[in-house]
Amino acid sequence: MAVPPGQTATTSGSNGVRSISGRVGPTLELPADPADLAKRSAPLLGWQGTVLPQTTLFGRRVFVVARLRPEVHAERIATGLRPVTDRATVATWTWPEFSKVAPMPAVHIAGVLAVARHWRTGMAATVPFARYGEAAMVLPTSATVSHDYVDNCLPRARMYGLGIVAADENAKVDLDLNCADERLELGDDEVWRWVHEVAYERLLACEAAGSIP
């Protein structure tokens, strides 16, 4: 493949040969609103559900993709148990004396997504969630055509099982790295149960606002 002057050809290991800029410090800008990019990217990752509004969880700005579990949701309506977002209360649900009577999660979280201009920012936001399920980041294509990305980002992303979606200057998204099928997960501890409750609250709010198709 011919490589334009000032660029270097290399192999990323995910999409074959790519052209990497030889210039230092490219301008990294998102080509569209983060919420729009998140909505475009979720289907590429195979995630089914609603892309909830961007929220801050543990100091990270992320998009949670979730859908209702109809049976559990119906049961919680019948018992009058709305989403519980108080972390101290949710933490008691994992205690042995309460584990059998604690409510089941009313949503299924398909994944957690971060939209960032640089891979280091995206990775810092998503790695904590990769311990529980699928997590991915959306980056501008300009951030994925560098030696730093190939040499440092891709190996770390594979190690943590992260997915990567690249968005070009026209906001067209393309899957660069899929989430790993096998990774070590912590399971449903008190942290992940609380995230489910937050997602449940946001999903009901979206339904009430009529923002779910």
C-alpha atoms as a PDB file:
ATOM      1  CA  MET A   1       0.000   0.000   0.000  1.00  0.00           C
ATOM      2  CA  ALA A   2       1.359   3.416  -0.945  1.00  0.00           C
ATOM      3  CA  VAL A   3       1.984   5.692   2.002  1.00  0.00           C
ATOM      4  CA  PRO A   4       1.677   9.482   1.621  1.00  0.00           C
ATOM      5  CA  PRO A   5       4.770  11.587   2.303  1.00  0.00           C
ATOM      6  CA  GLY A   6       5.271  12.372   5.979  1.00  0.00           C
ATOM      7  CA  GLN A   7       3.528   9.201   7.105  1.00  0.00           C
ATOM      8  CA  THR A   8       4.602   5.724   8.101  1.00  0.00           C
ATOM      9  CA  ALA A   9       2.892   2.407   7.426  1.00  0.00           C
ATOM     10  CA  THR A  10       2.434   0.047  10.345  1.00  0.00           C
ATOM     11  CA  THR A  11       0.227  -2.828  11.436  1.00  0.00           C
ATOM     12  CA  SER A  12      -2.142  -2.360  14.378  1.00  0.00           C
ATOM     13  CA  GLY A  13      -3.094  -5.997  14.737  1.00  0.00           C
ATOM     14  CA  SER A  14      -6.805  -5.159  14.576  1.00  0.00           C
ATOM     15  CA  ASN A  15      -7.526  -3.797  11.114  1.00  0.00           C
ATOM     16  CA  GLY A  16      -4.345  -4.653   9.233  1.00  0.00           C
ATOM     17  CA  VAL A  17      -2.090  -1.994   7.780  1.00  0.00           C
ATOM     18  CA  ARG A  18      -2.764   1.613   8.672  1.00  0.00           C
ATOM     19  CA  SER A  19      -1.075   4.905   7.856  1.00  0.00           C
ATOM     20  CA  ILE A  20       0.430   6.668  10.841  1.00  0.00           C
ATOM     21  CA  SER A  21       1.283  10.325  10.821  1.00  0.00           C
ATOM     22  CA  GLY A  22       4.907  11.200  11.288  1.00  0.00           C
ATOM     23  CA  ARG A  23       3.998  14.603  12.674  1.00  0.00           C
ATOM     24  CA  VAL A  24       4.164  15.252  16.395  1.00  0.00           C
ATOM     25  CA  GLY A  25       1.172  16.416  18.453  1.00  0.00           C
ATOM     26  CA  PRO A  26      -1.802  16.221  16.065  1.00  0.00           C
ATOM     27  CA  THR A  27      -4.906  18.228  16.953  1.00  0.00           C
ATOM     28  CA  LEU A  28      -7.413  15.860  18.533  1.00  0.00           C
ATOM     29  CA  GLU A  29     -11.036  16.967  18.349  1.00  0.00           C
ATOM     30  CA  LEU A  30     -14.302  15.083  18.561  1.00  0.00           C
ATOM     31  CA  PRO A  31     -16.183  15.287  15.241  1.00  0.00           C
ATOM     32  CA  ALA A  32     -19.625  15.355  16.861  1.00  0.00           C
ATOM     33  CA  ASP A  33     -21.456  15.604  20.153  1.00  0.00           C
ATOM     34  CA  PRO A  34     -20.315  12.832  22.546  1.00  0.00           C
ATOM     35  CA  ALA A  35     -23.887  11.612  23.049  1.00  0.00           C
ATOM     36  CA  ASP A  36     -24.362  11.259  19.292  1.00  0.00           C
ATOM     37  CA  LEU A  37     -21.094   9.372  18.922  1.00  0.00           C
ATOM     38  CA  ALA A  38     -22.040   7.061  21.794  1.00  0.00           C
ATOM     39  CA  LYS A  39     -25.390   6.248  20.180  1.00  0.00           C
ATOM     40  CA  ARG A  40     -23.695   5.500  16.858  1.00  0.00           C
ATOM     41  CA  SER A  41     -21.038   3.328  18.490  1.00  0.00           C
ATOM     42  CA  ALA A  42     -23.106   1.070  20.757  1.00  0.00           C
ATOM     43  CA  PRO A  43     -24.547  -1.064  17.881  1.00  0.00           C
ATOM     44  CA  LEU A  44     -21.039  -1.601  16.473  1.00  0.00           C
ATOM     45  CA  LEU A  45     -20.073  -3.172  19.788  1.00  0.00           C
ATOM     46  CA  GLY A  46     -23.121  -5.430  19.686  1.00  0.00           C
ATOM     47  CA  TRP A  47     -24.715  -3.721  22.656  1.00  0.00           C
ATOM     48  CA  GLN A  48     -28.506  -3.754  22.801  1.00  0.00           C
ATOM     49  CA  GLY A  49     -30.278  -1.182  24.906  1.00  0.00           C
ATOM     50  CA  THR A  50     -30.687   2.529  25.485  1.00  0.00           C
ATOM     51  CA  VAL A  51     -27.629   4.766  25.552  1.00  0.00           C
ATOM     52  CA  LEU A  52     -28.370   6.700  28.708  1.00  0.00           C
ATOM     53  CA  PRO A  53     -27.362  10.348  29.099  1.00  0.00           C
ATOM     54  CA  GLN A  54     -23.743  10.882  30.027  1.00  0.00           C
ATOM     55  CA  THR A  55     -23.250  10.628  33.759  1.00  0.00           C
ATOM     56  CA  THR A  56     -20.419  10.789  36.274  1.00  0.00           C
ATOM     57  CA  LEU A  57     -19.727   7.528  38.071  1.00  0.00           C
ATOM     58  CA  PHE A  58     -16.749   7.385  40.423  1.00  0.00           C
ATOM     59  CA  GLY A  59     -15.424  10.579  38.884  1.00  0.00           C
ATOM     60  CA  ARG A  60     -15.600   9.209  35.305  1.00  0.00           C
ATOM     61  CA  ARG A  61     -17.818  10.692  32.607  1.00  0.00           C
ATOM     62  CA  VAL A  62     -19.380   7.709  30.841  1.00  0.00           C
ATOM     63  CA  PHE A  63     -22.405   6.499  28.919  1.00  0.00           C
ATOM     64  CA  VAL A  64     -24.155   3.410  30.258  1.00  0.00           C
ATOM     65  CA  VAL A  65     -26.024   1.243  27.753  1.00  0.00           C
ATOM     66  CA  ALA A  66     -28.877  -0.588  29.483  1.00  0.00           C
ATOM     67  CA  ARG A  67     -32.282  -2.161  28.968  1.00  0.00           C
ATOM     68  CA  LEU A  68     -35.068  -3.175  31.338  1.00  0.00           C
ATOM     69  CA  ARG A  69     -35.550  -6.691  32.644  1.00  0.00           C
ATOM     70  CA  PRO A  70     -39.357  -6.786  32.235  1.00  0.00           C
ATOM     71  CA  GLU A  71     -40.139  -9.427  34.862  1.00  0.00           C
ATOM     72  CA  VAL A  72     -38.023  -7.822  37.553  1.00  0.00           C
ATOM     73  CA  HIS A  73     -39.269  -4.350  36.644  1.00  0.00           C
ATOM     74  CA  ALA A  74     -42.886  -5.543  36.919  1.00  0.00           C
ATOM     75  CA  GLU A  75     -42.179  -7.121  40.297  1.00  0.00           C
ATOM     76  CA  ARG A  76     -40.595  -3.941  41.606  1.00  0.00           C
ATOM     77  CA  ILE A  77     -43.578  -1.907  40.432  1.00  0.00           C
ATOM     78  CA  ALA A  78     -45.891  -4.330  42.226  1.00  0.00           C
ATOM     79  CA  THR A  79     -43.922  -4.065  45.459  1.00  0.00           C
ATOM     80  CA  GLY A  80     -43.474  -0.320  45.140  1.00  0.00           C
ATOM     81  CA  LEU A  81     -39.689  -0.551  45.122  1.00  0.00           C
ATOM     82  CA  ARG A  82     -38.358   2.272  42.974  1.00  0.00           C
ATOM     83  CA  PRO A  83     -34.667   2.642  42.072  1.00  0.00           C
ATOM     84  CA  VAL A  84     -32.493   2.915  45.159  1.00  0.00           C
ATOM     85  CA  THR A  85     -29.479   5.136  44.512  1.00  0.00           C
ATOM     86  CA  ASP A  86     -28.263   5.550  48.082  1.00  0.00           C
ATOM     87  CA  ARG A  87     -24.934   3.698  48.082  1.00  0.00           C
ATOM     88  CA  ALA A  88     -25.042   2.874  51.786  1.00  0.00           C
ATOM     89  CA  THR A  89     -28.428   1.193  51.404  1.00  0.00           C
ATOM     90  CA  VAL A  90     -27.427  -0.752  48.308  1.00  0.00           C
ATOM     91  CA  ALA A  91     -24.258  -1.913  50.069  1.00  0.00           C
ATOM     92  CA  THR A  92     -26.374  -3.773  52.636  1.00  0.00           C
ATOM     93  CA  TRP A  93     -27.924  -5.870  49.876  1.00  0.00           C
ATOM     94  CA  THR A  94     -24.743  -7.923  49.643  1.00  0.00           C
ATOM     95  CA  TRP A  95     -24.713  -8.719  53.361  1.00  0.00           C
ATOM     96  CA  PRO A  96     -25.478 -12.405  54.062  1.00  0.00           C
ATOM     97  CA  GLU A  97     -28.546 -11.531  56.145  1.00  0.00           C
ATOM     98  CA  PHE A  98     -30.034  -9.431  53.335  1.00  0.00           C
ATOM     99  CA  SER A  99     -28.785 -11.149  50.182  1.00  0.00           C
ATOM    100  CA  LYS A 100     -31.824 -13.436  49.912  1.00  0.00           C
ATOM    101  CA  VAL A 101     -34.380 -10.641  50.250  1.00  0.00           C
ATOM    102  CA  ALA A 102     -32.561  -7.925  48.300  1.00  0.00           C
ATOM    103  CA  PRO A 103     -34.201  -6.965  44.990  1.00  0.00           C
ATOM    104  CA  MET A 104     -32.797  -8.285  41.754  1.00  0.00           C
ATOM    105  CA  PRO A 105     -31.283  -5.764  39.302  1.00  0.00           C
ATOM    106  CA  ALA A 106     -34.131  -4.423  37.157  1.00  0.00           C
ATOM    107  CA  VAL A 107     -31.877  -3.590  34.221  1.00  0.00           C
ATOM    108  CA  HIS A 108     -29.304  -5.380  32.135  1.00  0.00           C
ATOM    109  CA  ILE A 109     -26.188  -3.311  31.481  1.00  0.00           C
ATOM    110  CA  ALA A 110     -24.826  -4.114  28.045  1.00  0.00           C
ATOM    111  CA  GLY A 111     -21.727  -1.975  28.455  1.00  0.00           C
ATOM    112  CA  VAL A 112     -20.126   1.256  29.588  1.00  0.00           C
ATOM    113  CA  LEU A 113     -18.753   3.672  27.023  1.00  0.00           C
ATOM    114  CA  ALA A 114     -16.468   6.707  27.243  1.00  0.00           C
ATOM    115  CA  VAL A 115     -16.081   9.267  24.463  1.00  0.00           C
ATOM    116  CA  ALA A 116     -12.696  10.974  24.650  1.00  0.00           C
ATOM    117  CA  ARG A 117     -10.226  12.922  22.522  1.00  0.00           C
ATOM    118  CA  HIS A 118      -7.240  10.854  23.692  1.00  0.00           C
ATOM    119  CA  TRP A 119      -6.931   7.176  24.481  1.00  0.00           C
ATOM    120  CA  ARG A 120      -5.388   7.759  27.906  1.00  0.00           C
ATOM    121  CA  THR A 121      -8.453   9.717  29.003  1.00  0.00           C
ATOM    122  CA  GLY A 122     -10.799   7.098  27.555  1.00  0.00           C
ATOM    123  CA  MET A 123      -8.907   4.260  29.189  1.00  0.00           C
ATOM    124  CA  ALA A 124      -8.874   5.944  32.587  1.00  0.00           C
ATOM    125  CA  ALA A 125     -12.658   6.266  32.353  1.00  0.00           C
ATOM    126  CA  THR A 126     -13.443   2.725  31.188  1.00  0.00           C
ATOM    127  CA  VAL A 127     -10.958   0.376  32.867  1.00  0.00           C
ATOM    128  CA  PRO A 128     -12.778   0.389  36.254  1.00  0.00           C
ATOM    129  CA  PHE A 129     -15.955  -0.802  34.529  1.00  0.00           C
ATOM    130  CA  ALA A 130     -14.181  -3.481  32.492  1.00  0.00           C
ATOM    131  CA  ARG A 131     -13.827  -5.421  35.736  1.00  0.00           C
ATOM    132  CA  TYR A 132     -17.597  -5.982  35.713  1.00  0.00           C
ATOM    133  CA  GLY A 133     -18.568  -6.322  32.052  1.00  0.00           C
ATOM    134  CA  GLU A 134     -17.970  -4.913  28.602  1.00  0.00           C
ATOM    135  CA  ALA A 135     -16.458  -1.444  28.333  1.00  0.00           C
ATOM    136  CA  ALA A 136     -15.233   0.566  25.376  1.00  0.00           C
ATOM    137  CA  MET A 137     -14.068   4.001  24.285  1.00  0.00           C
ATOM    138  CA  VAL A 138     -14.799   6.168  21.264  1.00  0.00           C
ATOM    139  CA  LEU A 139     -11.836   8.130  19.930  1.00  0.00           C
ATOM    140  CA  PRO A 140     -11.375  10.490  16.991  1.00  0.00           C
ATOM    141  CA  THR A 141      -9.624   8.772  14.110  1.00  0.00           C
ATOM    142  CA  SER A 142      -6.806  11.313  14.440  1.00  0.00           C
ATOM    143  CA  ALA A 143      -6.017   9.767  17.840  1.00  0.00           C
ATOM    144  CA  THR A 144      -5.720   6.267  16.386  1.00  0.00           C
ATOM    145  CA  VAL A 145      -3.135   7.035  13.695  1.00  0.00           C
ATOM    146  CA  SER A 146      -0.072   7.440  15.844  1.00  0.00           C
ATOM    147  CA  HIS A 147       2.739   5.223  17.077  1.00  0.00           C
ATOM    148  CA  ASP A 148       1.659   6.016  20.629  1.00  0.00           C
ATOM    149  CA  TYR A 149      -1.760   4.496  19.953  1.00  0.00           C
ATOM    150  CA  VAL A 150      -0.385   1.388  18.268  1.00  0.00           C
ATOM    151  CA  ASP A 151       2.479   0.816  20.687  1.00  0.00           C
ATOM    152  CA  ASN A 152       0.812   1.785  23.949  1.00  0.00           C
ATOM    153  CA  CYS A 153      -2.973   1.926  23.640  1.00  0.00           C
ATOM    154  CA  LEU A 154      -3.775  -1.259  21.740  1.00  0.00           C
ATOM    155  CA  PRO A 155      -1.737  -3.619  23.977  1.00  0.00           C
ATOM    156  CA  ARG A 156      -3.340  -2.134  27.101  1.00  0.00           C
ATOM    157  CA  ALA A 157      -6.818  -2.222  25.601  1.00  0.00           C
ATOM    158  CA  ARG A 158      -6.409  -5.914  24.776  1.00  0.00           C
ATOM    159  CA  MET A 159      -5.083  -6.600  28.274  1.00  0.00           C
ATOM    160  CA  TYR A 160      -8.155  -5.035  29.877  1.00  0.00           C
ATOM    161  CA  GLY A 161     -10.579  -6.370  27.265  1.00  0.00           C
ATOM    162  CA  LEU A 162     -11.656  -2.906  26.119  1.00  0.00           C
ATOM    163  CA  GLY A 163     -13.328  -2.165  22.803  1.00  0.00           C
ATOM    164  CA  ILE A 164     -12.349   0.828  20.652  1.00  0.00           C
ATOM    165  CA  VAL A 165     -14.446   2.723  18.119  1.00  0.00           C
ATOM    166  CA  ALA A 166     -12.878   5.345  15.861  1.00  0.00           C
ATOM    167  CA  ALA A 167     -14.870   8.346  14.613  1.00  0.00           C
ATOM    168  CA  ASP A 168     -13.587  10.169  11.529  1.00  0.00           C
ATOM    169  CA  GLU A 169     -13.931  13.874  10.730  1.00  0.00           C
ATOM    170  CA  ASN A 170     -17.411  13.243   9.291  1.00  0.00           C
ATOM    171  CA  ALA A 171     -18.531  11.470  12.487  1.00  0.00           C
ATOM    172  CA  LYS A 172     -18.568   8.103  10.717  1.00  0.00           C
ATOM    173  CA  VAL A 173     -17.779   5.429  13.286  1.00  0.00           C
ATOM    174  CA  ASP A 174     -15.837   2.245  12.700  1.00  0.00           C
ATOM    175  CA  LEU A 175     -14.990  -0.599  15.080  1.00  0.00           C
ATOM    176  CA  ASP A 176     -11.221  -0.717  15.576  1.00  0.00           C
ATOM    177  CA  LEU A 177     -11.050  -3.262  18.405  1.00  0.00           C
ATOM    178  CA  ASN A 178     -13.813  -5.457  19.781  1.00  0.00           C
ATOM    179  CA  CYS A 179     -14.282  -6.167  23.469  1.00  0.00           C
ATOM    180  CA  ALA A 180     -12.519  -9.316  24.593  1.00  0.00           C
ATOM    181  CA  ASP A 181     -14.690 -12.409  24.974  1.00  0.00           C
ATOM    182  CA  GLU A 182     -12.695 -13.639  27.963  1.00  0.00           C
ATOM    183  CA  ARG A 183     -11.699 -11.416  30.859  1.00  0.00           C
ATOM    184  CA  LEU A 184     -11.623 -11.559  34.626  1.00  0.00           C
ATOM    185  CA  GLU A 185     -14.803 -10.107  36.136  1.00  0.00           C
ATOM    186  CA  LEU A 186     -15.534  -9.262  39.769  1.00  0.00           C
ATOM    187  CA  GLY A 187     -19.215 -10.176  39.665  1.00  0.00           C
ATOM    188  CA  ASP A 188     -22.163  -8.379  41.239  1.00  0.00           C
ATOM    189  CA  ASP A 189     -20.587  -6.713  44.255  1.00  0.00           C
ATOM    190  CA  GLU A 190     -22.049  -3.671  46.040  1.00  0.00           C
ATOM    191  CA  VAL A 191     -20.438  -1.270  43.553  1.00  0.00           C
ATOM    192  CA  TRP A 192     -21.947  -2.924  40.499  1.00  0.00           C
ATOM    193  CA  ARG A 193     -25.346  -3.284  42.173  1.00  0.00           C
ATOM    194  CA  TRP A 194     -25.341   0.463  42.811  1.00  0.00           C
ATOM    195  CA  VAL A 195     -24.444   1.174  39.167  1.00  0.00           C
ATOM    196  CA  HIS A 196     -27.444  -0.936  38.155  1.00  0.00           C
ATOM    197  CA  GLU A 197     -29.716   1.127  40.387  1.00  0.00           C
ATOM    198  CA  VAL A 198     -28.388   4.365  38.901  1.00  0.00           C
ATOM    199  CA  ALA A 199     -28.931   2.977  35.392  1.00  0.00           C
ATOM    200  CA  TYR A 200     -32.447   1.873  36.399  1.00  0.00           C
ATOM    201  CA  GLU A 201     -33.298   5.374  37.615  1.00  0.00           C
ATOM    202  CA  ARG A 202     -31.926   7.010  34.448  1.00  0.00           C
ATOM    203  CA  LEU A 203     -33.705   4.541  32.193  1.00  0.00           C
ATOM    204  CA  LEU A 204     -37.065   5.207  33.856  1.00  0.00           C
ATOM    205  CA  ALA A 205     -36.430   8.935  33.557  1.00  0.00           C
ATOM    206  CA  CYS A 206     -35.768   8.527  29.830  1.00  0.00           C
ATOM    207  CA  GLU A 207     -38.999   6.553  29.422  1.00  0.00           C
ATOM    208  CA  ALA A 208     -40.965   9.214  31.308  1.00  0.00           C
ATOM    209  CA  ALA A 209     -39.471  11.919  29.096  1.00  0.00           C
ATOM    210  CA  GLY A 210     -40.337   9.932  25.964  1.00  0.00           C
ATOM    211  CA  SER A 211     -36.709   9.869  24.824  1.00  0.00           C
ATOM    212  CA  ILE A 212     -36.656   6.104  24.247  1.00  0.00           C
ATOM    213  CA  PRO A 213     -37.767   5.102  20.715  1.00  0.00           C
END
